[in-house]
N, C-alpha and C. Protein backbone atom coordinates (compact mmCIF):
# COMPACT_ATOMS: atom_id res chain seq x y z
N MET A 1 118.42 116.00 -86.09
CA MET A 1 118.31 115.60 -87.47
C MET A 1 119.41 116.00 -88.46
N ARG A 2 119.73 115.23 -89.58
CA ARG A 2 120.69 115.68 -90.32
C ARG A 2 120.45 116.73 -91.04
N PRO A 3 121.35 117.67 -91.63
CA PRO A 3 120.97 118.91 -92.18
C PRO A 3 120.58 118.48 -93.64
N VAL A 4 119.77 118.96 -94.32
CA VAL A 4 119.33 118.76 -95.63
C VAL A 4 118.79 120.15 -96.11
N SER A 5 118.90 120.22 -97.45
CA SER A 5 118.25 121.41 -98.22
C SER A 5 117.03 121.32 -98.12
N SER A 6 116.30 122.64 -98.28
CA SER A 6 114.73 122.63 -98.35
C SER A 6 114.13 121.89 -99.29
N GLU A 7 114.77 121.91 -100.52
CA GLU A 7 114.32 121.26 -101.78
C GLU A 7 114.17 119.69 -101.61
N THR A 8 115.28 119.13 -100.51
CA THR A 8 115.06 117.81 -100.41
C THR A 8 114.37 117.24 -99.21
N SER A 9 114.37 118.34 -97.94
CA SER A 9 113.59 117.88 -97.03
C SER A 9 112.07 117.46 -97.31
N LYS A 10 111.38 117.79 -98.31
CA LYS A 10 110.07 117.53 -98.40
C LYS A 10 110.10 116.12 -99.11
N LEU A 11 111.01 115.79 -99.52
CA LEU A 11 111.22 114.29 -100.03
C LEU A 11 111.55 113.35 -98.94
N LEU A 12 112.12 113.86 -97.98
CA LEU A 12 112.54 112.92 -96.91
C LEU A 12 111.68 112.76 -95.70
N ASP A 13 110.54 112.54 -95.99
CA ASP A 13 109.43 112.35 -94.95
C ASP A 13 109.42 110.87 -94.51
N ASN A 14 108.50 110.43 -94.02
CA ASN A 14 108.49 108.89 -93.44
C ASN A 14 108.30 107.96 -94.72
N ILE A 15 107.58 108.53 -95.64
CA ILE A 15 107.65 107.67 -96.97
C ILE A 15 108.77 107.72 -97.81
N GLY A 16 109.25 108.84 -97.95
CA GLY A 16 110.56 108.86 -98.55
C GLY A 16 111.66 108.12 -97.96
N TRP A 17 111.96 107.90 -96.78
CA TRP A 17 112.82 107.17 -96.28
C TRP A 17 112.46 105.58 -96.36
N ARG A 18 111.11 105.21 -96.40
CA ARG A 18 110.82 104.08 -96.54
C ARG A 18 111.21 103.45 -97.86
N ILE A 19 110.92 104.39 -98.88
CA ILE A 19 111.40 104.31 -100.22
C ILE A 19 112.76 103.93 -100.34
N LEU A 20 113.51 104.77 -99.49
CA LEU A 20 115.02 104.59 -99.62
C LEU A 20 115.54 103.38 -98.99
N GLU A 21 114.62 103.08 -97.89
CA GLU A 21 115.04 101.67 -97.33
C GLU A 21 114.88 100.40 -98.13
N GLU A 22 113.85 100.28 -98.95
CA GLU A 22 113.37 99.49 -99.68
C GLU A 22 114.51 99.28 -100.68
N LEU A 23 114.66 100.42 -101.55
CA LEU A 23 115.84 100.48 -102.57
C LEU A 23 116.91 100.21 -102.32
N GLN A 24 117.36 100.39 -101.20
CA GLN A 24 118.69 100.16 -100.53
C GLN A 24 118.84 98.61 -100.23
N GLU A 25 117.59 97.75 -99.95
CA GLU A 25 117.64 96.53 -99.64
C GLU A 25 117.58 95.48 -100.89
N ASN A 26 116.85 96.24 -101.84
CA ASN A 26 116.69 95.87 -103.34
C ASN A 26 116.52 96.60 -104.44
N ALA A 27 117.48 97.26 -105.08
CA ALA A 27 117.13 98.37 -106.22
C ALA A 27 116.48 97.61 -107.17
N ARG A 28 116.17 96.38 -107.41
CA ARG A 28 115.57 95.90 -108.67
C ARG A 28 114.05 95.74 -108.12
N ILE A 29 113.86 96.13 -107.09
CA ILE A 29 112.28 95.99 -106.70
C ILE A 29 111.21 96.55 -107.91
N GLN A 30 110.58 96.07 -108.02
CA GLN A 30 109.48 96.66 -109.12
C GLN A 30 108.49 97.81 -108.47
N PHE A 31 108.33 98.84 -109.40
CA PHE A 31 107.51 99.80 -108.40
C PHE A 31 106.27 99.36 -107.89
N VAL A 32 105.91 98.19 -108.70
CA VAL A 32 104.39 97.73 -108.04
C VAL A 32 104.47 97.30 -106.76
N GLU A 33 105.54 96.44 -106.48
CA GLU A 33 105.92 95.95 -105.06
C GLU A 33 106.61 97.04 -104.14
N LEU A 34 106.94 97.97 -104.90
CA LEU A 34 107.58 99.18 -103.95
C LEU A 34 106.19 100.24 -103.32
N GLY A 35 105.57 100.45 -104.43
CA GLY A 35 104.33 101.03 -103.88
C GLY A 35 103.50 100.30 -102.88
N ARG A 36 103.28 99.14 -103.11
CA ARG A 36 102.43 98.27 -102.13
C ARG A 36 103.28 98.37 -100.90
N ARG A 37 104.39 98.26 -100.47
CA ARG A 37 105.24 98.10 -99.36
C ARG A 37 105.11 99.58 -98.81
N VAL A 38 105.12 100.78 -99.45
CA VAL A 38 105.17 102.12 -98.91
C VAL A 38 103.86 102.90 -98.93
N GLY A 39 102.88 102.29 -99.31
CA GLY A 39 101.21 102.68 -99.54
C GLY A 39 100.98 103.71 -100.57
N LEU A 40 101.84 103.70 -101.62
CA LEU A 40 101.69 104.52 -102.73
C LEU A 40 101.05 103.96 -103.94
N SER A 41 100.58 104.47 -104.85
CA SER A 41 100.04 104.02 -106.18
C SER A 41 101.18 104.00 -106.90
N VAL A 42 101.09 103.16 -108.07
CA VAL A 42 102.35 103.16 -109.00
C VAL A 42 102.71 104.25 -109.36
N PRO A 43 101.83 105.16 -110.08
CA PRO A 43 102.34 106.30 -110.65
C PRO A 43 102.84 107.29 -109.67
N ALA A 44 102.51 107.28 -108.39
CA ALA A 44 102.97 108.22 -107.26
C ALA A 44 104.39 107.76 -106.94
N VAL A 45 104.61 106.33 -106.76
CA VAL A 45 105.92 105.97 -106.28
C VAL A 45 106.82 106.05 -107.37
N ILE A 46 106.64 106.09 -108.66
CA ILE A 46 107.52 106.46 -109.83
C ILE A 46 107.80 107.65 -109.81
N GLU A 47 106.79 108.71 -109.61
CA GLU A 47 107.25 110.07 -109.40
C GLU A 47 108.24 110.46 -108.19
N ARG A 48 107.65 109.75 -107.01
CA ARG A 48 108.63 110.14 -106.00
C ARG A 48 110.13 109.63 -106.31
N VAL A 49 110.51 108.39 -106.79
CA VAL A 49 111.58 107.97 -107.14
C VAL A 49 112.22 109.13 -108.05
N ARG A 50 111.53 109.35 -109.12
CA ARG A 50 112.23 110.19 -109.97
C ARG A 50 112.64 111.61 -109.51
N ARG A 51 111.69 111.92 -108.65
CA ARG A 51 112.09 113.37 -107.90
C ARG A 51 113.25 113.10 -107.03
N MET A 52 113.26 112.06 -106.30
CA MET A 52 114.56 111.82 -105.72
C MET A 52 115.80 111.76 -106.22
N GLU A 53 115.67 110.98 -107.44
CA GLU A 53 117.06 111.16 -108.32
C GLU A 53 117.42 112.39 -108.86
N GLU A 54 116.20 113.28 -109.15
CA GLU A 54 116.50 114.42 -109.80
C GLU A 54 117.05 115.36 -108.69
N ALA A 55 116.75 115.37 -107.38
CA ALA A 55 117.34 115.98 -106.56
C ALA A 55 118.72 115.60 -106.01
N GLY A 56 119.29 114.35 -106.44
CA GLY A 56 120.40 113.92 -106.19
C GLY A 56 120.51 113.00 -104.83
N ILE A 57 119.43 112.65 -104.29
CA ILE A 57 119.26 111.88 -103.14
C ILE A 57 119.45 110.55 -103.46
N ILE A 58 119.07 109.90 -104.59
CA ILE A 58 119.31 108.61 -105.37
C ILE A 58 120.23 109.21 -106.28
N THR A 59 121.60 108.59 -106.16
CA THR A 59 122.49 108.89 -107.22
C THR A 59 122.82 107.69 -108.15
N GLY A 60 122.26 106.59 -107.85
CA GLY A 60 122.59 105.24 -108.95
C GLY A 60 122.22 104.28 -108.28
N TYR A 61 122.01 103.06 -108.99
CA TYR A 61 121.78 101.72 -108.73
C TYR A 61 122.86 100.70 -109.10
N HIS A 62 123.09 99.78 -108.11
CA HIS A 62 124.38 99.09 -108.38
C HIS A 62 124.26 97.63 -108.07
N ALA A 63 125.05 96.80 -108.68
CA ALA A 63 125.23 95.27 -108.34
C ALA A 63 126.20 94.89 -107.47
N GLU A 64 125.88 94.35 -106.39
CA GLU A 64 126.72 93.62 -105.56
C GLU A 64 127.68 92.63 -106.10
N ILE A 65 128.95 92.72 -106.30
CA ILE A 65 129.61 91.73 -106.73
C ILE A 65 130.60 91.05 -105.83
N ASP A 66 130.84 89.65 -105.70
CA ASP A 66 131.68 89.09 -104.70
C ASP A 66 132.87 88.95 -105.62
N ARG A 67 133.90 89.72 -104.87
CA ARG A 67 135.13 90.11 -105.50
C ARG A 67 136.04 88.91 -105.27
N HIS A 68 135.91 87.87 -104.46
CA HIS A 68 136.54 86.57 -104.48
C HIS A 68 136.11 85.82 -105.72
N LYS A 69 134.83 85.70 -106.15
CA LYS A 69 134.59 84.86 -107.26
C LYS A 69 134.92 85.28 -108.49
N ILE A 70 135.40 86.68 -108.63
CA ILE A 70 135.83 87.26 -109.80
C ILE A 70 137.44 87.58 -109.83
N GLY A 71 138.16 86.76 -108.90
CA GLY A 71 139.53 86.56 -109.09
C GLY A 71 140.29 87.80 -108.27
N LEU A 72 139.61 88.35 -107.18
CA LEU A 72 140.20 89.56 -106.44
C LEU A 72 140.14 89.24 -105.14
N PRO A 73 140.70 88.25 -104.52
CA PRO A 73 140.59 87.86 -103.17
C PRO A 73 141.41 88.82 -102.07
N VAL A 74 142.43 89.39 -102.58
CA VAL A 74 143.16 90.47 -101.71
C VAL A 74 142.51 91.80 -101.76
N CYS A 75 142.08 92.21 -100.65
CA CYS A 75 141.68 93.53 -100.61
C CYS A 75 142.62 94.18 -99.25
N ALA A 76 142.94 95.58 -99.66
CA ALA A 76 143.71 96.16 -98.67
C ALA A 76 143.42 97.67 -98.71
N TYR A 77 143.67 98.46 -97.56
CA TYR A 77 143.49 99.90 -97.62
C TYR A 77 145.04 100.33 -97.55
N ILE A 78 145.11 101.44 -98.25
CA ILE A 78 146.32 102.07 -98.14
C ILE A 78 146.19 103.49 -97.82
N ARG A 79 146.84 103.71 -96.67
CA ARG A 79 146.93 105.09 -96.17
C ARG A 79 148.02 106.00 -96.96
N VAL A 80 147.78 107.07 -97.44
CA VAL A 80 148.81 107.89 -98.38
C VAL A 80 148.99 108.97 -97.79
N ARG A 81 150.24 109.48 -97.14
CA ARG A 81 150.67 110.89 -96.70
C ARG A 81 151.36 111.40 -98.01
N VAL A 82 150.89 112.55 -98.39
CA VAL A 82 151.48 113.22 -99.55
C VAL A 82 152.64 113.98 -98.77
N ILE A 83 153.63 113.88 -99.82
CA ILE A 83 154.84 114.69 -99.43
C ILE A 83 154.98 115.86 -100.58
N GLY A 84 154.99 116.89 -100.17
CA GLY A 84 154.99 118.01 -101.13
C GLY A 84 153.79 118.09 -101.67
N ASP A 85 153.73 118.89 -103.05
CA ASP A 85 152.64 119.11 -103.88
C ASP A 85 152.27 118.05 -104.80
N PHE A 86 152.09 117.03 -104.27
CA PHE A 86 151.67 115.68 -105.20
C PHE A 86 150.21 115.31 -104.98
N ILE A 87 149.46 116.17 -104.44
CA ILE A 87 148.20 115.72 -104.10
C ILE A 87 147.35 115.39 -105.72
N PRO A 88 147.46 116.48 -106.73
CA PRO A 88 146.80 116.14 -107.88
C PRO A 88 147.35 115.17 -108.57
N HIS A 89 148.64 114.85 -108.29
CA HIS A 89 149.34 113.69 -109.01
C HIS A 89 148.62 112.05 -108.32
N VAL A 90 148.52 112.08 -106.91
CA VAL A 90 147.90 110.96 -106.64
C VAL A 90 146.57 110.77 -106.97
N ILE A 91 145.80 111.80 -107.04
CA ILE A 91 144.31 111.66 -107.53
C ILE A 91 144.42 111.20 -108.94
N ALA A 92 145.27 111.46 -109.85
CA ALA A 92 145.37 111.27 -110.96
C ALA A 92 145.89 109.64 -111.17
N VAL A 93 146.37 109.42 -110.31
CA VAL A 93 147.00 107.99 -110.36
C VAL A 93 146.05 107.10 -109.82
N ALA A 94 145.53 107.51 -108.84
CA ALA A 94 144.38 106.56 -108.26
C ALA A 94 143.21 106.32 -109.30
N ARG A 95 142.74 107.48 -110.11
CA ARG A 95 141.74 107.35 -110.94
C ARG A 95 142.25 106.48 -112.17
N GLU A 96 143.36 106.44 -112.46
CA GLU A 96 143.93 105.71 -113.51
C GLU A 96 143.94 104.09 -113.21
N MET A 97 144.40 103.78 -111.91
CA MET A 97 144.28 102.53 -111.57
C MET A 97 143.12 101.70 -111.21
N VAL A 98 142.72 100.50 -112.12
CA VAL A 98 141.43 99.83 -112.03
C VAL A 98 141.49 99.03 -110.83
N GLU A 99 142.57 98.87 -110.06
CA GLU A 99 142.75 98.19 -108.80
C GLU A 99 142.06 99.07 -107.66
N VAL A 100 141.99 100.27 -107.70
CA VAL A 100 141.53 101.37 -106.75
C VAL A 100 140.24 101.43 -106.85
N PHE A 101 139.35 100.84 -105.82
CA PHE A 101 137.70 100.87 -105.85
C PHE A 101 137.25 101.88 -105.16
N GLU A 102 138.03 102.56 -104.05
CA GLU A 102 137.76 103.90 -103.46
C GLU A 102 138.91 104.52 -102.94
N CYS A 103 138.81 105.89 -103.29
CA CYS A 103 139.84 106.82 -102.91
C CYS A 103 139.16 107.89 -102.31
N HIS A 104 139.83 108.09 -101.11
CA HIS A 104 138.98 109.16 -99.99
C HIS A 104 140.09 110.40 -99.60
N ARG A 105 140.03 111.72 -99.73
CA ARG A 105 140.72 112.47 -99.08
C ARG A 105 140.39 112.82 -97.68
N ILE A 106 141.14 112.55 -96.75
CA ILE A 106 140.93 112.39 -95.35
C ILE A 106 141.40 113.52 -94.44
N ALA A 107 141.21 113.66 -93.18
CA ALA A 107 141.83 114.58 -92.44
C ALA A 107 142.84 113.78 -91.49
N GLY A 108 143.76 114.47 -91.04
CA GLY A 108 144.71 113.69 -89.92
C GLY A 108 146.04 113.69 -90.71
N GLU A 109 146.81 112.76 -89.91
CA GLU A 109 148.42 112.77 -90.70
C GLU A 109 148.40 112.10 -92.01
N ASP A 110 147.44 111.48 -92.47
CA ASP A 110 147.49 110.97 -93.74
C ASP A 110 146.63 111.75 -94.62
N THR A 111 146.91 111.75 -96.05
CA THR A 111 145.94 112.77 -97.05
C THR A 111 145.00 111.84 -97.80
N PHE A 112 145.09 110.44 -97.79
CA PHE A 112 144.17 109.77 -98.67
C PHE A 112 144.11 108.27 -98.14
N LEU A 113 143.01 107.78 -98.24
CA LEU A 113 142.71 106.40 -97.93
C LEU A 113 142.28 105.74 -99.07
N LEU A 114 143.09 104.79 -99.70
CA LEU A 114 142.46 104.06 -100.81
C LEU A 114 142.29 102.57 -100.39
N LYS A 115 141.09 102.21 -101.04
CA LYS A 115 140.68 100.61 -101.08
C LYS A 115 141.03 100.04 -102.43
N VAL A 116 141.83 98.97 -102.30
CA VAL A 116 142.41 98.14 -103.38
C VAL A 116 141.81 96.89 -103.44
N CYS A 117 141.57 96.12 -104.43
CA CYS A 117 141.31 94.77 -104.67
C CYS A 117 142.10 94.05 -105.64
N VAL A 118 142.77 93.20 -105.41
CA VAL A 118 143.84 92.58 -106.36
C VAL A 118 143.72 91.11 -106.30
N PRO A 119 144.42 90.41 -107.31
CA PRO A 119 144.14 89.06 -107.24
C PRO A 119 145.21 88.34 -106.41
N THR A 120 146.36 89.13 -106.09
CA THR A 120 147.61 88.41 -105.33
C THR A 120 148.19 89.36 -104.43
N SER A 121 149.02 89.11 -103.74
CA SER A 121 149.95 89.93 -102.63
C SER A 121 150.98 90.57 -103.72
N GLU A 122 151.38 89.88 -104.84
CA GLU A 122 152.47 90.63 -105.37
C GLU A 122 151.64 91.82 -106.17
N ALA A 123 150.57 91.52 -106.71
CA ALA A 123 149.95 92.78 -107.58
C ALA A 123 149.54 93.95 -106.44
N LEU A 124 149.26 93.59 -105.25
CA LEU A 124 149.53 94.68 -104.19
C LEU A 124 150.52 95.27 -104.12
N GLU A 125 151.73 94.61 -103.94
CA GLU A 125 152.98 95.16 -103.87
C GLU A 125 153.15 96.33 -105.10
N LYS A 126 153.01 95.76 -106.19
CA LYS A 126 152.95 96.70 -107.38
C LYS A 126 152.18 97.91 -107.41
N ILE A 127 150.94 97.92 -106.74
CA ILE A 127 150.11 99.10 -106.47
C ILE A 127 150.94 100.13 -105.57
N VAL A 128 151.36 99.54 -104.60
CA VAL A 128 152.28 100.41 -103.58
C VAL A 128 153.50 100.94 -104.17
N ASP A 129 154.12 99.99 -104.96
CA ASP A 129 155.25 100.78 -105.56
C ASP A 129 155.06 102.01 -106.57
N LYS A 130 153.87 101.78 -107.27
CA LYS A 130 153.36 102.91 -108.12
C LYS A 130 153.23 104.26 -107.47
N LEU A 131 152.86 103.87 -106.19
CA LEU A 131 152.62 105.25 -105.40
C LEU A 131 153.83 105.77 -104.55
N THR A 132 154.93 104.99 -104.13
CA THR A 132 155.77 105.28 -103.31
C THR A 132 156.90 106.45 -103.75
N PRO A 133 156.85 106.40 -105.08
CA PRO A 133 157.87 107.74 -105.45
C PRO A 133 157.52 109.11 -105.22
N TYR A 134 156.14 109.12 -104.88
CA TYR A 134 155.70 110.42 -104.55
C TYR A 134 155.27 110.56 -103.06
N VAL A 135 154.90 109.48 -102.53
CA VAL A 135 154.15 109.39 -101.12
C VAL A 135 154.96 108.37 -100.11
N ALA A 136 154.42 108.61 -98.97
CA ALA A 136 154.54 107.65 -97.94
C ALA A 136 153.24 106.76 -97.90
N THR A 137 153.42 105.63 -97.54
CA THR A 137 152.20 104.48 -97.61
C THR A 137 152.41 103.92 -96.42
N THR A 138 151.18 103.48 -96.10
CA THR A 138 150.88 102.31 -95.07
C THR A 138 150.02 101.41 -95.50
N THR A 139 150.19 100.23 -95.58
CA THR A 139 149.44 99.05 -96.21
C THR A 139 148.52 98.22 -94.97
N MET A 140 147.50 98.41 -95.00
CA MET A 140 146.49 97.32 -94.10
C MET A 140 145.85 96.46 -94.77
N LEU A 141 146.19 95.08 -94.67
CA LEU A 141 145.21 93.86 -95.40
C LEU A 141 144.01 93.83 -94.69
N VAL A 142 143.04 93.18 -95.42
CA VAL A 142 142.01 92.94 -95.06
C VAL A 142 141.79 91.70 -94.74
N PHE A 143 141.60 91.01 -93.61
CA PHE A 143 141.27 89.59 -93.26
C PHE A 143 139.84 89.13 -93.49
N SER A 144 138.82 90.10 -93.01
CA SER A 144 137.45 89.83 -93.42
C SER A 144 136.76 91.12 -93.24
N SER A 145 135.34 91.06 -93.43
CA SER A 145 134.48 92.38 -93.58
C SER A 145 133.33 92.00 -92.56
N PRO A 146 133.31 91.97 -91.45
CA PRO A 146 131.91 91.69 -90.69
C PRO A 146 130.90 92.86 -90.82
N VAL A 147 131.36 94.04 -91.19
CA VAL A 147 129.99 94.82 -91.67
C VAL A 147 130.45 95.45 -93.01
N THR A 148 129.48 95.16 -93.95
CA THR A 148 130.03 95.73 -95.19
C THR A 148 128.30 96.36 -95.76
N ARG A 149 128.47 97.55 -96.52
CA ARG A 149 127.36 98.24 -96.86
C ARG A 149 126.24 98.26 -96.21
N ARG A 150 126.40 98.85 -94.88
CA ARG A 150 125.19 99.22 -94.29
C ARG A 150 124.29 100.16 -94.94
N ALA A 151 123.11 99.79 -94.57
CA ALA A 151 122.06 101.01 -95.12
C ALA A 151 121.84 102.03 -94.53
N ILE A 152 121.71 103.28 -95.07
CA ILE A 152 121.55 104.45 -94.20
C ILE A 152 119.95 104.55 -93.86
N GLU A 153 120.05 104.60 -92.46
CA GLU A 153 118.63 104.90 -91.81
C GLU A 153 118.29 106.18 -91.75
N PRO A 154 116.91 106.48 -91.61
CA PRO A 154 116.35 107.64 -91.18
C PRO A 154 116.50 108.29 -89.98
N PRO A 155 116.78 109.38 -89.77
CA PRO A 155 117.16 109.82 -88.36
C PRO A 155 115.65 109.70 -87.33
N ALA A 156 116.11 109.11 -86.18
CA ALA A 156 115.21 108.74 -85.25
C ALA A 156 113.82 109.43 -85.09
N GLU A 157 113.86 110.86 -85.26
CA GLU A 157 112.73 111.57 -85.11
C GLU A 157 111.70 111.47 -86.22
N ILE A 158 112.36 110.79 -87.39
CA ILE A 158 111.41 110.45 -88.57
C ILE A 158 110.56 109.29 -88.37
N LEU A 159 111.15 108.40 -87.71
CA LEU A 159 110.51 107.02 -87.54
C LEU A 159 109.42 106.85 -86.22
N PRO A 160 108.48 106.19 -86.68
CA PRO A 160 107.48 106.12 -85.32
C PRO A 160 108.32 105.38 -84.12
N GLU A 161 107.94 105.26 -82.82
CA GLU A 161 108.61 104.76 -82.04
C GLU A 161 109.13 103.29 -82.05
N ASP A 162 108.19 102.58 -82.64
CA ASP A 162 108.14 101.00 -82.72
C ASP A 162 109.05 100.68 -83.81
N ALA A 163 109.54 101.42 -84.72
CA ALA A 163 110.40 101.26 -85.77
C ALA A 163 111.73 102.00 -85.89
N ARG A 164 112.26 102.28 -84.69
CA ARG A 164 113.43 103.10 -84.38
C ARG A 164 114.20 101.94 -84.11
N PRO A 165 115.67 102.26 -84.78
CA PRO A 165 116.93 101.26 -85.06
C PRO A 165 117.25 100.29 -83.58
N SER A 166 116.68 101.03 -82.39
CA SER A 166 117.12 100.36 -81.05
C SER A 166 115.85 99.25 -80.91
N THR A 167 115.04 99.31 -81.72
CA THR A 167 113.90 98.16 -81.38
C THR A 167 113.89 97.35 -82.80
N ARG A 168 114.44 97.76 -83.86
CA ARG A 168 114.25 96.75 -85.13
C ARG A 168 115.44 95.90 -85.26
N LYS A 169 115.30 94.74 -85.59
CA LYS A 169 116.19 93.68 -85.93
C LYS A 169 117.00 93.85 -87.31
N ARG A 170 118.39 94.05 -87.12
CA ARG A 170 118.83 94.16 -88.34
C ARG A 170 119.43 92.82 -89.09
N PRO A 171 119.06 92.89 -90.18
CA PRO A 171 119.64 91.57 -91.00
C PRO A 171 121.08 91.28 -90.86
N ALA A 172 121.53 90.05 -91.07
CA ALA A 172 122.62 89.50 -90.73
C ALA A 172 123.69 90.21 -91.73
N GLU A 173 124.98 90.50 -91.58
CA GLU A 173 125.67 91.23 -92.50
C GLU A 173 126.69 90.11 -93.26
N SER A 174 127.20 90.35 -94.23
CA SER A 174 128.27 89.44 -94.75
C SER A 174 129.66 89.44 -94.31
N SER A 175 130.44 88.66 -94.61
CA SER A 175 131.87 88.59 -94.21
C SER A 175 132.49 88.43 -95.26
């Protein structure tokens, strides 16, 4: 089982995981329907969700947006290898650039992995140019995304035998 703190372990029982699965599928589900699906009354499901938010298990609710339809069809990952003591500078630059959708500090030869989405390849070139005075970069252009936003599933020991991932059918994922 994944390590969890004692305060959150009580919330991550079978019902807690079912709540998380439902909210990951549809964060706008009404509490009446959520309660019906997980077998709790409306007040009980509201309290359970509130406690999961307070414990930091649920950290937010988000809308999925099709980046192509809002004019950001070019997506790339940029591996960044920091030269010298520029780690704080790269973090600051990544936070300032609206084109950077994710920035991860990573282990290995590279120091960061950035996900950027831009309207054109020229815009991508400008992003790389902003980084190169301080770091070495490797840019990887995304052609398609056969797996996106996979839901976090409960550990196998939480699930009944007939509901374990190997026996459940996964919904089709977007490209």
